[in-house]
Amino acid sequence: MIGIDMIKISRMEAFMKRFKKRGLQRFLNDEEILHVNNVRTAAGYWAAKEAFSKALGTGIGSECRFHDLNINKTTRGAPFFLLHEDLLKRFGIVDTSLSITHDGDYAIAVVAIESTAADKI
C-alpha cells in the first residue's frame, strides 16, 4: 500500500510557536525531537507519519498512533521507520519505504508498506 501527505511548512511553524516543545511531543518521541533542528524537518516528520497511516488505510487514531511510528535516519541521512511491535503484528508489516521532500513552503512524504496479509490493510 502507498500513502502520501503534504503539509504547508508555515502551518507547522504556527503549531510550533503556539505549543512549543509540548506540541512536538504530541507526534514525536524524545529521540525524534533531537533530530528536529528546524520547522522544515518537523513538517516532514508530520507528513511522513500521516502518509504512513494513510497507507495503512486507518489514518491517525486508535489503530495507528503517532507514537507507534518512530522516524530514524541511516548513516547517509535517509529517513526510515522503526515501528512498534504491535503495529507490525496487527498489520503483518514486513517492510516499509519512506521518502520526504521539501519544495518551497511544503513538506511532502510518500510511504510504501509491504505486508504479508493484504486483507489486514
Protein backbone atom coordinates (compact mmCIF):
# COMPACT_ATOMS: atom_id res chain seq x y z
CA MET A 1 0.00 0.00 0.00
CA ILE A 2 1.10 3.55 -0.69
CA GLY A 3 0.34 6.73 1.25
CA ILE A 4 1.20 10.36 0.61
CA ASP A 5 0.83 13.51 2.67
CA MET A 6 1.70 17.16 2.24
CA ILE A 7 1.80 19.93 4.83
CA LYS A 8 2.40 23.63 4.45
CA ILE A 9 5.54 24.43 6.43
CA SER A 10 4.05 27.70 7.70
CA ARG A 11 1.24 25.65 9.29
CA MET A 12 3.84 23.64 11.24
CA GLU A 13 5.63 26.86 12.15
CA ALA A 14 2.44 28.29 13.67
CA PHE A 15 1.85 25.00 15.52
CA MET A 16 5.38 25.05 16.97
CA LYS A 17 5.12 28.71 18.01
CA ARG A 18 1.83 28.06 19.74
CA PHE A 19 2.62 24.76 21.50
CA LYS A 20 6.46 24.78 21.61
CA LYS A 21 8.12 21.52 22.70
CA ARG A 22 4.85 20.20 24.11
CA GLY A 23 3.40 20.37 20.61
CA LEU A 24 6.27 18.34 19.18
CA GLN A 25 5.77 15.76 21.93
CA ARG A 26 2.24 15.17 20.62
CA PHE A 27 3.61 13.50 17.48
CA LEU A 28 7.34 12.86 18.09
CA ASN A 29 9.29 10.85 20.65
CA ASP A 30 12.25 12.36 22.52
CA GLU A 31 14.84 11.00 20.07
CA GLU A 32 12.93 12.35 17.08
CA ILE A 33 12.72 15.77 18.74
CA LEU A 34 16.54 15.79 18.98
CA HIS A 35 16.69 15.41 15.16
CA VAL A 36 14.21 18.23 14.59
CA ASN A 37 16.51 21.22 14.27
CA ASN A 38 14.10 23.29 12.17
CA VAL A 39 10.46 23.64 11.22
CA ARG A 40 11.03 22.01 7.80
CA THR A 41 12.19 18.78 9.46
CA ALA A 42 9.22 18.81 11.86
CA ALA A 43 6.84 19.29 8.94
CA GLY A 44 8.48 16.41 7.05
CA TYR A 45 8.14 14.10 10.05
CA TRP A 46 4.46 15.05 10.42
CA ALA A 47 3.82 14.35 6.73
CA ALA A 48 5.68 11.01 7.00
CA LYS A 49 3.56 9.78 9.89
CA GLU A 50 0.33 10.93 8.22
CA ALA A 51 1.37 9.24 4.94
CA PHE A 52 2.09 6.01 6.81
CA SER A 53 -1.35 6.00 8.43
CA LYS A 54 -2.94 6.65 5.05
CA ALA A 55 -1.04 3.73 3.51
CA LEU A 56 -2.48 1.54 6.26
CA GLY A 57 -5.93 2.87 5.49
CA THR A 58 -6.55 3.83 9.10
CA GLY A 59 -5.48 7.43 9.44
CA ILE A 60 -4.02 8.55 12.75
CA GLY A 61 -6.20 7.21 15.54
CA SER A 62 -6.61 4.18 17.77
CA GLU A 63 -5.23 1.66 15.25
CA CYS A 64 -2.17 3.75 14.33
CA ARG A 65 -0.96 6.42 16.73
CA PHE A 66 1.81 8.95 16.10
CA HIS A 67 3.98 7.30 18.77
CA ASP A 68 3.65 3.86 17.13
CA LEU A 69 5.86 5.24 14.35
CA ASN A 70 9.39 6.42 15.01
CA ILE A 71 11.50 8.03 12.31
CA ASN A 72 15.24 7.49 12.30
CA LYS A 73 17.94 8.15 9.71
CA THR A 74 20.56 5.98 8.07
CA THR A 75 24.23 6.97 8.24
CA ARG A 76 23.67 8.67 4.88
CA GLY A 77 20.71 10.66 6.23
CA ALA A 78 17.88 8.76 4.57
CA PRO A 79 14.75 8.52 6.77
CA PHE A 80 13.23 5.19 7.75
CA PHE A 81 10.60 3.95 10.20
CA LEU A 82 11.07 2.00 13.41
CA LEU A 83 7.61 0.58 14.14
CA HIS A 84 6.00 -0.54 17.38
CA GLU A 85 5.84 -4.35 17.57
CA ASP A 86 2.04 -4.36 17.95
CA LEU A 87 1.66 -2.40 14.71
CA LEU A 88 3.95 -4.81 12.85
CA LYS A 89 1.97 -7.84 14.02
CA ARG A 90 -1.52 -6.36 13.67
CA PHE A 91 -0.98 -5.41 10.03
CA GLY A 92 1.56 -8.09 9.04
CA ILE A 93 4.08 -5.42 8.03
CA VAL A 94 7.35 -6.85 6.71
CA ASP A 95 8.91 -3.76 5.13
CA THR A 96 8.38 -0.04 4.65
CA SER A 97 9.88 2.67 2.48
CA LEU A 98 9.84 6.39 3.26
CA SER A 99 10.72 9.43 1.21
CA ILE A 100 10.45 13.01 2.49
CA THR A 101 10.97 16.07 0.33
CA HIS A 102 10.57 19.82 0.69
CA ASP A 103 9.68 22.33 -2.00
CA GLY A 104 9.05 25.96 -1.25
CA ASP A 105 6.61 26.15 1.63
CA TYR A 106 5.64 22.46 1.54
CA ALA A 107 6.88 19.20 3.03
CA ILE A 108 5.77 16.04 1.25
CA ALA A 109 6.16 12.40 2.28
CA VAL A 110 5.49 9.16 0.44
CA VAL A 111 5.31 5.80 2.21
CA ALA A 112 5.12 2.27 0.82
CA ILE A 113 4.19 -0.65 3.06
CA GLU A 114 4.75 -4.32 2.27
CA SER A 115 2.50 -6.68 4.20
CA THR A 116 2.12 -10.45 4.40
CA ALA A 117 -1.60 -10.00 4.97
CA ALA A 118 -3.15 -7.73 2.37
CA ASP A 119 -6.58 -8.25 3.98
CA LYS A 120 -5.28 -6.63 7.20
CA ILE A 121 -4.54 -3.38 5.41
